[in-house]
Amino acid sequence: MPKWPPSGLSYPTLILGDEHSALVAMTDTPELFGGEIRSLAPIDIKDGKVIRWIDYWDGRHFGAELAAKMRTPADKFPTNFKESTSDG
């Protein structure tokens, strides 16, 4: 990510899965988003390529003000997550 500082880290803490799909637990350091984020990402893989990756995280520890700054505006929020492209 071109705007992230070199001191910011995003790293997996647990990976469960195989060549078809995985669940990845991730940690992002505060330098990236203003507070530490711990997330879970289910990942779908087809023909050796990631076809869907969705991050789930709980931003309550950020406080409402910081979380609101990161929120995608309603008119720009995706409504199609390409779930029909997955075999799973």
PDB file of N, CA and C in Angstrom:
ATOM      1  N   MET A   1       0.849  -1.172   0.000  1.00  0.00           N
ATOM      2  CA  MET A   1       0.000   0.000   0.000  1.00  0.00           C
ATOM      3  C   MET A   1       0.897   1.237   0.000  1.00  0.00           C
ATOM      4  N   PRO A   2       0.804   2.044  -1.019  1.00  0.00           N
ATOM      5  CA  PRO A   2       1.758   3.147  -1.183  1.00  0.00           C
ATOM      6  C   PRO A   2       1.723   4.215  -0.098  1.00  0.00           C
ATOM      7  N   LYS A   3       0.627   4.387   0.608  1.00  0.00           N
ATOM      8  CA  LYS A   3       0.539   5.442   1.621  1.00  0.00           C
ATOM      9  C   LYS A   3       0.835   4.940   3.032  1.00  0.00           C
ATOM     10  N   TRP A   4       1.081   3.652   3.194  1.00  0.00           N
ATOM     11  CA  TRP A   4       1.393   3.126   4.509  1.00  0.00           C
ATOM     12  C   TRP A   4       2.845   3.429   4.864  1.00  0.00           C
ATOM     13  N   PRO A   5       3.097   3.803   6.123  1.00  0.00           N
ATOM     14  CA  PRO A   5       4.485   4.068   6.530  1.00  0.00           C
ATOM     15  C   PRO A   5       5.262   2.756   6.635  1.00  0.00           C
ATOM     16  N   PRO A   6       6.578   2.813   6.451  1.00  0.00           N
ATOM     17  CA  PRO A   6       7.394   1.598   6.563  1.00  0.00           C
ATOM     18  C   PRO A   6       7.273   0.915   7.919  1.00  0.00           C
ATOM     19  N   SER A   7       6.948   1.683   8.968  1.00  0.00           N
ATOM     20  CA  SER A   7       6.823   1.093  10.303  1.00  0.00           C
ATOM     21  C   SER A   7       5.533   0.309  10.492  1.00  0.00           C
ATOM     22  N   GLY A   8       4.561   0.490   9.603  1.00  0.00           N
ATOM     23  CA  GLY A   8       3.286  -0.217   9.707  1.00  0.00           C
ATOM     24  C   GLY A   8       3.415  -1.656   9.229  1.00  0.00           C
ATOM     25  N   LEU A   9       2.789  -2.553   9.968  1.00  0.00           N
ATOM     26  CA  LEU A   9       2.850  -3.973   9.618  1.00  0.00           C
ATOM     27  C   LEU A   9       1.452  -4.562   9.514  1.00  0.00           C
ATOM     28  N   SER A  10       1.285  -5.470   8.586  1.00  0.00           N
ATOM     29  CA  SER A  10       0.081  -6.280   8.464  1.00  0.00           C
ATOM     30  C   SER A  10       0.568  -7.712   8.281  1.00  0.00           C
ATOM     31  N   TYR A  11       0.202  -8.584   9.225  1.00  0.00           N
ATOM     32  CA  TYR A  11       0.768  -9.921   9.172  1.00  0.00           C
ATOM     33  C   TYR A  11      -0.244 -10.966   9.640  1.00  0.00           C
ATOM     34  N   PRO A  12      -0.151 -12.189   9.083  1.00  0.00           N
ATOM     35  CA  PRO A  12      -1.045 -13.266   9.521  1.00  0.00           C
ATOM     36  C   PRO A  12      -0.590 -13.825  10.856  1.00  0.00           C
ATOM     37  N   THR A  13      -1.556 -14.148  11.705  1.00  0.00           N
ATOM     38  CA  THR A  13      -1.245 -14.794  12.983  1.00  0.00           C
ATOM     39  C   THR A  13      -1.705 -16.249  13.002  1.00  0.00           C
ATOM     40  N   LEU A  14      -2.575 -16.611  12.062  1.00  0.00           N
ATOM     41  CA  LEU A  14      -3.046 -17.988  11.944  1.00  0.00           C
ATOM     42  C   LEU A  14      -3.612 -18.180  10.549  1.00  0.00           C
ATOM     43  N   ILE A  15      -3.274 -19.295   9.908  1.00  0.00           N
ATOM     44  CA  ILE A  15      -3.821 -19.621   8.598  1.00  0.00           C
ATOM     45  C   ILE A  15      -4.351 -21.044   8.664  1.00  0.00           C
ATOM     46  N   LEU A  16      -5.631 -21.207   8.352  1.00  0.00           N
ATOM     47  CA  LEU A  16      -6.267 -22.524   8.305  1.00  0.00           C
ATOM     48  C   LEU A  16      -6.824 -22.711   6.899  1.00  0.00           C
ATOM     49  N   GLY A  17      -6.470 -23.786   6.233  1.00  0.00           N
ATOM     50  CA  GLY A  17      -7.027 -24.009   4.915  1.00  0.00           C
ATOM     51  C   GLY A  17      -6.136 -24.849   4.030  1.00  0.00           C
ATOM     52  N   ASP A  18      -6.439 -24.786   2.741  1.00  0.00           N
ATOM     53  CA  ASP A  18      -5.695 -25.546   1.750  1.00  0.00           C
ATOM     54  C   ASP A  18      -5.680 -24.759   0.435  1.00  0.00           C
ATOM     55  N   GLU A  19      -5.437 -25.450  -0.673  1.00  0.00           N
ATOM     56  CA  GLU A  19      -5.332 -24.753  -1.952  1.00  0.00           C
ATOM     57  C   GLU A  19      -6.675 -24.283  -2.516  1.00  0.00           C
ATOM     58  N   HIS A  20      -7.774 -24.600  -1.839  1.00  0.00           N
ATOM     59  CA  HIS A  20      -9.106 -24.198  -2.307  1.00  0.00           C
ATOM     60  C   HIS A  20      -9.692 -23.020  -1.531  1.00  0.00           C
ATOM     61  N   SER A  21      -9.388 -22.970  -0.235  1.00  0.00           N
ATOM     62  CA  SER A  21      -9.918 -21.887   0.596  1.00  0.00           C
ATOM     63  C   SER A  21      -9.134 -21.828   1.894  1.00  0.00           C
ATOM     64  N   ALA A  22      -9.235 -20.677   2.547  1.00  0.00           N
ATOM     65  CA  ALA A  22      -8.519 -20.514   3.806  1.00  0.00           C
ATOM     66  C   ALA A  22      -9.242 -19.495   4.678  1.00  0.00           C
ATOM     67  N   LEU A  23      -8.965 -19.577   5.958  1.00  0.00           N
ATOM     68  CA  LEU A  23      -9.380 -18.562   6.918  1.00  0.00           C
ATOM     69  C   LEU A  23      -8.089 -18.026   7.527  1.00  0.00           C
ATOM     70  N   VAL A  24      -7.878 -16.712   7.385  1.00  0.00           N
ATOM     71  CA  VAL A  24      -6.638 -16.097   7.846  1.00  0.00           C
ATOM     72  C   VAL A  24      -6.952 -15.100   8.948  1.00  0.00           C
ATOM     73  N   ALA A  25      -6.304 -15.265  10.094  1.00  0.00           N
ATOM     74  CA  ALA A  25      -6.371 -14.278  11.169  1.00  0.00           C
ATOM     75  C   ALA A  25      -5.209 -13.324  10.945  1.00  0.00           C
ATOM     76  N   MET A  26      -5.517 -12.022  10.927  1.00  0.00           N
ATOM     77  CA  MET A  26      -4.511 -11.003  10.621  1.00  0.00           C
ATOM     78  C   MET A  26      -4.421  -9.982  11.755  1.00  0.00           C
ATOM     79  N   THR A  27      -3.262  -9.355  11.874  1.00  0.00           N
ATOM     80  CA  THR A  27      -3.073  -8.215  12.765  1.00  0.00           C
ATOM     81  C   THR A  27      -2.470  -7.074  11.953  1.00  0.00           C
ATOM     82  N   ASP A  28      -3.075  -5.895  12.068  1.00  0.00           N
ATOM     83  CA  ASP A  28      -2.543  -4.672  11.463  1.00  0.00           C
ATOM     84  C   ASP A  28      -2.112  -3.759  12.609  1.00  0.00           C
ATOM     85  N   THR A  29      -0.903  -3.235  12.532  1.00  0.00           N
ATOM     86  CA  THR A  29      -0.398  -2.373  13.598  1.00  0.00           C
ATOM     87  C   THR A  29      -1.036  -0.982  13.528  1.00  0.00           C
ATOM     88  N   PRO A  30      -1.025  -0.228  14.624  1.00  0.00           N
ATOM     89  CA  PRO A  30      -1.691   1.076  14.684  1.00  0.00           C
ATOM     90  C   PRO A  30      -1.224   2.088  13.634  1.00  0.00           C
ATOM     91  N   GLU A  31      -0.008   1.961  13.138  1.00  0.00           N
ATOM     92  CA  GLU A  31       0.489   2.907  12.139  1.00  0.00           C
ATOM     93  C   GLU A  31      -0.332   2.891  10.856  1.00  0.00           C
ATOM     94  N   LEU A  32      -1.038   1.806  10.597  1.00  0.00           N
ATOM     95  CA  LEU A  32      -1.784   1.683   9.341  1.00  0.00           C
ATOM     96  C   LEU A  32      -3.140   2.372   9.387  1.00  0.00           C
ATOM     97  N   PHE A  33      -3.866   2.232  10.502  1.00  0.00           N
ATOM     98  CA  PHE A  33      -5.241   2.726  10.565  1.00  0.00           C
ATOM     99  C   PHE A  33      -5.544   3.562  11.800  1.00  0.00           C
ATOM    100  N   GLY A  34      -4.538   3.838  12.621  1.00  0.00           N
ATOM    101  CA  GLY A  34      -4.767   4.647  13.803  1.00  0.00           C
ATOM    102  C   GLY A  34      -5.007   3.840  15.063  1.00  0.00           C
ATOM    103  N   GLY A  35      -5.154   2.563  14.951  1.00  0.00           N
ATOM    104  CA  GLY A  35      -5.349   1.648  16.079  1.00  0.00           C
ATOM    105  C   GLY A  35      -5.115   0.236  15.585  1.00  0.00           C
ATOM    106  N   GLU A  36      -4.744  -0.661  16.484  1.00  0.00           N
ATOM    107  CA  GLU A  36      -4.516  -2.044  16.069  1.00  0.00           C
ATOM    108  C   GLU A  36      -5.819  -2.663  15.582  1.00  0.00           C
ATOM    109  N   ILE A  37      -5.740  -3.401  14.502  1.00  0.00           N
ATOM    110  CA  ILE A  37      -6.895  -4.127  13.975  1.00  0.00           C
ATOM    111  C   ILE A  37      -6.543  -5.606  13.947  1.00  0.00           C
ATOM    112  N   ARG A  38      -7.434  -6.401  14.477  1.00  0.00           N
ATOM    113  CA  ARG A  38      -7.334  -7.859  14.353  1.00  0.00           C
ATOM    114  C   ARG A  38      -8.532  -8.302  13.543  1.00  0.00           C
ATOM    115  N   SER A  39      -8.267  -9.017  12.472  1.00  0.00           N
ATOM    116  CA  SER A  39      -9.349  -9.378  11.555  1.00  0.00           C
ATOM    117  C   SER A  39      -9.302 -10.847  11.202  1.00  0.00           C
ATOM    118  N   LEU A  40     -10.403 -11.315  10.656  1.00  0.00           N
ATOM    119  CA  LEU A  40     -10.503 -12.650  10.067  1.00  0.00           C
ATOM    120  C   LEU A  40     -10.857 -12.469   8.603  1.00  0.00           C
ATOM    121  N   ALA A  41     -10.217 -13.237   7.747  1.00  0.00           N
ATOM    122  CA  ALA A  41     -10.470 -13.123   6.319  1.00  0.00           C
ATOM    123  C   ALA A  41     -10.703 -14.499   5.718  1.00  0.00           C
ATOM    124  N   PRO A  42     -11.946 -14.806   5.321  1.00  0.00           N
ATOM    125  CA  PRO A  42     -12.168 -16.011   4.534  1.00  0.00           C
ATOM    126  C   PRO A  42     -11.719 -15.722   3.102  1.00  0.00           C
ATOM    127  N   ILE A  43     -10.985 -16.659   2.527  1.00  0.00           N
ATOM    128  CA  ILE A  43     -10.407 -16.474   1.204  1.00  0.00           C
ATOM    129  C   ILE A  43     -10.792 -17.656   0.321  1.00  0.00           C
ATOM    130  N   ASP A  44     -11.311 -17.368  -0.868  1.00  0.00           N
ATOM    131  CA  ASP A  44     -11.627 -18.393  -1.859  1.00  0.00           C
ATOM    132  C   ASP A  44     -10.544 -18.385  -2.932  1.00  0.00           C
ATOM    133  N   ILE A  45     -10.078 -19.581  -3.300  1.00  0.00           N
ATOM    134  CA  ILE A  45      -9.001 -19.717  -4.270  1.00  0.00           C
ATOM    135  C   ILE A  45      -9.482 -20.632  -5.392  1.00  0.00           C
ATOM    136  N   LYS A  46      -9.251 -20.217  -6.627  1.00  0.00           N
ATOM    137  CA  LYS A  46      -9.639 -21.026  -7.787  1.00  0.00           C
ATOM    138  C   LYS A  46      -8.489 -20.993  -8.781  1.00  0.00           C
ATOM    139  N   ASP A  47      -8.056 -22.164  -9.219  1.00  0.00           N
ATOM    140  CA  ASP A  47      -6.945 -22.277 -10.171  1.00  0.00           C
ATOM    141  C   ASP A  47      -5.700 -21.529  -9.694  1.00  0.00           C
ATOM    142  N   GLY A  48      -5.441 -21.599  -8.387  1.00  0.00           N
ATOM    143  CA  GLY A  48      -4.250 -20.983  -7.827  1.00  0.00           C
ATOM    144  C   GLY A  48      -4.316 -19.475  -7.648  1.00  0.00           C
ATOM    145  N   LYS A  49      -5.485 -18.876  -7.890  1.00  0.00           N
ATOM    146  CA  LYS A  49      -5.639 -17.430  -7.747  1.00  0.00           C
ATOM    147  C   LYS A  49      -6.715 -17.108  -6.721  1.00  0.00           C
ATOM    148  N   VAL A  50      -6.489 -16.063  -5.953  1.00  0.00           N
ATOM    149  CA  VAL A  50      -7.491 -15.599  -4.999  1.00  0.00           C
ATOM    150  C   VAL A  50      -8.632 -14.968  -5.794  1.00  0.00           C
ATOM    151  N   ILE A  51      -9.843 -15.497  -5.613  1.00  0.00           N
ATOM    152  CA  ILE A  51     -10.987 -14.925  -6.324  1.00  0.00           C
ATOM    153  C   ILE A  51     -11.901 -14.121  -5.409  1.00  0.00           C
ATOM    154  N   ARG A  52     -11.744 -14.305  -4.093  1.00  0.00           N
ATOM    155  CA  ARG A  52     -12.517 -13.493  -3.146  1.00  0.00           C
ATOM    156  C   ARG A  52     -11.801 -13.465  -1.808  1.00  0.00           C
ATOM    157  N   TRP A  53     -11.697 -12.280  -1.241  1.00  0.00           N
ATOM    158  CA  TRP A  53     -11.060 -12.078   0.064  1.00  0.00           C
ATOM    159  C   TRP A  53     -11.869 -11.001   0.764  1.00  0.00           C
ATOM    160  N   ILE A  54     -12.462 -11.337   1.879  1.00  0.00           N
ATOM    161  CA  ILE A  54     -13.274 -10.373   2.625  1.00  0.00           C
ATOM    162  C   ILE A  54     -12.728 -10.292   4.042  1.00  0.00           C
ATOM    163  N   ASP A  55     -12.449  -9.068   4.493  1.00  0.00           N
ATOM    164  CA  ASP A  55     -11.966  -8.863   5.856  1.00  0.00           C
ATOM    165  C   ASP A  55     -13.139  -8.581   6.780  1.00  0.00           C
ATOM    166  N   TYR A  56     -13.155  -9.265   7.903  1.00  0.00           N
ATOM    167  CA  TYR A  56     -14.137  -9.013   8.961  1.00  0.00           C
ATOM    168  C   TYR A  56     -13.370  -8.569  10.197  1.00  0.00           C
ATOM    169  N   TRP A  57     -13.753  -7.450  10.767  1.00  0.00           N
ATOM    170  CA  TRP A  57     -13.082  -6.961  11.965  1.00  0.00           C
ATOM    171  C   TRP A  57     -14.068  -6.181  12.807  1.00  0.00           C
ATOM    172  N   ASP A  58     -13.743  -6.091  14.083  1.00  0.00           N
ATOM    173  CA  ASP A  58     -14.581  -5.397  15.058  1.00  0.00           C
ATOM    174  C   ASP A  58     -13.900  -4.091  15.423  1.00  0.00           C
ATOM    175  N   GLY A  59     -14.466  -2.968  15.030  1.00  0.00           N
ATOM    176  CA  GLY A  59     -13.859  -1.673  15.260  1.00  0.00           C
ATOM    177  C   GLY A  59     -14.338  -0.971  16.517  1.00  0.00           C
ATOM    178  N   ARG A  60     -15.056  -1.666  17.396  1.00  0.00           N
ATOM    179  CA  ARG A  60     -15.593  -1.000  18.588  1.00  0.00           C
ATOM    180  C   ARG A  60     -14.507  -0.408  19.478  1.00  0.00           C
ATOM    181  N   HIS A  61     -13.335  -1.030  19.540  1.00  0.00           N
ATOM    182  CA  HIS A  61     -12.279  -0.507  20.415  1.00  0.00           C
ATOM    183  C   HIS A  61     -11.666   0.784  19.868  1.00  0.00           C
ATOM    184  N   PHE A  62     -11.939   1.123  18.614  1.00  0.00           N
ATOM    185  CA  PHE A  62     -11.452   2.374  18.033  1.00  0.00           C
ATOM    186  C   PHE A  62     -12.188   3.575  18.614  1.00  0.00           C
ATOM    187  N   GLY A  63     -13.420   3.369  18.966  1.00  0.00           N
ATOM    188  CA  GLY A  63     -14.285   4.486  19.322  1.00  0.00           C
ATOM    189  C   GLY A  63     -15.044   4.915  18.072  1.00  0.00           C
ATOM    190  N   ALA A  64     -16.176   5.529  18.258  1.00  0.00           N
ATOM    191  CA  ALA A  64     -17.061   5.874  17.148  1.00  0.00           C
ATOM    192  C   ALA A  64     -16.429   6.868  16.184  1.00  0.00           C
ATOM    193  N   GLU A  65     -15.676   7.834  16.698  1.00  0.00           N
ATOM    194  CA  GLU A  65     -15.118   8.871  15.829  1.00  0.00           C
ATOM    195  C   GLU A  65     -14.088   8.318  14.842  1.00  0.00           C
ATOM    196  N   LEU A  66     -13.141   7.517  15.325  1.00  0.00           N
ATOM    197  CA  LEU A  66     -12.127   6.946  14.438  1.00  0.00           C
ATOM    198  C   LEU A  66     -12.743   5.943  13.470  1.00  0.00           C
ATOM    199  N   ALA A  67     -13.668   5.115  13.951  1.00  0.00           N
ATOM    200  CA  ALA A  67     -14.319   4.150  13.069  1.00  0.00           C
ATOM    201  C   ALA A  67     -15.122   4.851  11.980  1.00  0.00           C
ATOM    202  N   ALA A  68     -15.769   5.964  12.311  1.00  0.00           N
ATOM    203  CA  ALA A  68     -16.562   6.699  11.318  1.00  0.00           C
ATOM    204  C   ALA A  68     -15.680   7.242  10.200  1.00  0.00           C
ATOM    205  N   LYS A  69     -14.450   7.616  10.501  1.00  0.00           N
ATOM    206  CA  LYS A  69     -13.531   8.115   9.476  1.00  0.00           C
ATOM    207  C   LYS A  69     -13.184   7.044   8.451  1.00  0.00           C
ATOM    208  N   MET A  70     -13.256   5.781   8.859  1.00  0.00           N
ATOM    209  CA  MET A  70     -12.892   4.676   7.978  1.00  0.00           C
ATOM    210  C   MET A  70     -14.091   4.107   7.222  1.00  0.00           C
ATOM    211  N   ARG A  71     -15.278   4.499   7.593  1.00  0.00           N
ATOM    212  CA  ARG A  71     -16.494   3.926   7.018  1.00  0.00           C
ATOM    213  C   ARG A  71     -16.642   4.301   5.545  1.00  0.00           C
ATOM    214  N   THR A  72     -16.991   3.337   4.722  1.00  0.00           N
ATOM    215  CA  THR A  72     -17.278   3.581   3.313  1.00  0.00           C
ATOM    216  C   THR A  72     -18.624   4.279   3.214  1.00  0.00           C
ATOM    217  N   PRO A  73     -18.707   5.383   2.467  1.00  0.00           N
ATOM    218  CA  PRO A  73     -20.001   6.060   2.311  1.00  0.00           C
ATOM    219  C   PRO A  73     -21.042   5.099   1.731  1.00  0.00           C
ATOM    220  N   ALA A  74     -22.277   5.238   2.187  1.00  0.00           N
ATOM    221  CA  ALA A  74     -23.348   4.323   1.770  1.00  0.00           C
ATOM    222  C   ALA A  74     -23.477   4.234   0.258  1.00  0.00           C
ATOM    223  N   ASP A  75     -23.320   5.348  -0.452  1.00  0.00           N
ATOM    224  CA  ASP A  75     -23.487   5.321  -1.911  1.00  0.00           C
ATOM    225  C   ASP A  75     -22.306   4.677  -2.633  1.00  0.00           C
ATOM    226  N   LYS A  76     -21.225   4.389  -1.917  1.00  0.00           N
ATOM    227  CA  LYS A  76     -20.060   3.745  -2.518  1.00  0.00           C
ATOM    228  C   LYS A  76     -19.857   2.324  -1.994  1.00  0.00           C
ATOM    229  N   PHE A  77     -20.707   1.886  -1.073  1.00  0.00           N
ATOM    230  CA  PHE A  77     -20.556   0.563  -0.479  1.00  0.00           C
ATOM    231  C   PHE A  77     -20.925  -0.508  -1.503  1.00  0.00           C
ATOM    232  N   PRO A  78     -20.061  -1.521  -1.679  1.00  0.00           N
ATOM    233  CA  PRO A  78     -20.364  -2.553  -2.689  1.00  0.00           C
ATOM    234  C   PRO A  78     -21.572  -3.393  -2.292  1.00  0.00           C
ATOM    235  N   THR A  79     -22.375  -3.718  -3.266  1.00  0.00           N
ATOM    236  CA  THR A  79     -23.534  -4.584  -3.015  1.00  0.00           C
ATOM    237  C   THR A  79     -23.359  -5.950  -3.669  1.00  0.00           C
ATOM    238  N   ASN A  80     -22.333  -6.104  -4.486  1.00  0.00           N
ATOM    239  CA  ASN A  80     -22.069  -7.375  -5.139  1.00  0.00           C
ATOM    240  C   ASN A  80     -20.685  -7.840  -4.695  1.00  0.00           C
ATOM    241  N   PHE A  81     -20.641  -8.923  -3.932  1.00  0.00           N
ATOM    242  CA  PHE A  81     -19.381  -9.445  -3.430  1.00  0.00           C
ATOM    243  C   PHE A  81     -18.865 -10.618  -4.259  1.00  0.00           C
ATOM    244  N   LYS A  82     -19.421 -10.807  -5.454  1.00  0.00           N
ATOM    245  CA  LYS A  82     -18.972 -11.840  -6.406  1.00  0.00           C
ATOM    246  C   LYS A  82     -19.085 -13.252  -5.829  1.00  0.00           C
ATOM    247  N   GLU A  83     -20.018 -13.454  -4.894  1.00  0.00           N
ATOM    248  CA  GLU A  83     -20.163 -14.770  -4.292  1.00  0.00           C
ATOM    249  C   GLU A  83     -20.538 -15.842  -5.309  1.00  0.00           C
ATOM    250  N   SER A  84     -21.140 -15.457  -6.433  1.00  0.00           N
ATOM    251  CA  SER A  84     -21.522 -16.441  -7.448  1.00  0.00           C
ATOM    252  C   SER A  84     -20.306 -16.986  -8.189  1.00  0.00           C
ATOM    253  N   THR A  85     -19.116 -16.351  -8.070  1.00  0.00           N
ATOM    254  CA  THR A  85     -17.930 -16.839  -8.752  1.00  0.00           C
ATOM    255  C   THR A  85     -17.235 -17.951  -7.987  1.00  0.00           C
ATOM    256  N   SER A  86     -17.620 -18.176  -6.743  1.00  0.00           N
ATOM    257  CA  SER A  86     -16.985 -19.188  -5.906  1.00  0.00           C
ATOM    258  C   SER A  86     -17.677 -20.532  -6.083  1.00  0.00           C
ATOM    259  N   ASP A  87     -16.892 -21.602  -6.105  1.00  0.00           N
ATOM    260  CA  ASP A  87     -17.463 -22.947  -6.174  1.00  0.00           C
ATOM    261  C   ASP A  87     -17.926 -23.428  -4.811  1.00  0.00           C
ATOM    262  N   GLY A  88     -17.483 -22.754  -3.753  1.00  0.00           N
ATOM    263  CA  GLY A  88     -17.749 -23.201  -2.389  1.00  0.00           C
ATOM    264  C   GLY A  88     -18.938 -22.643  -1.860  1.00  0.00           C
TER     265      GLY A  88
END
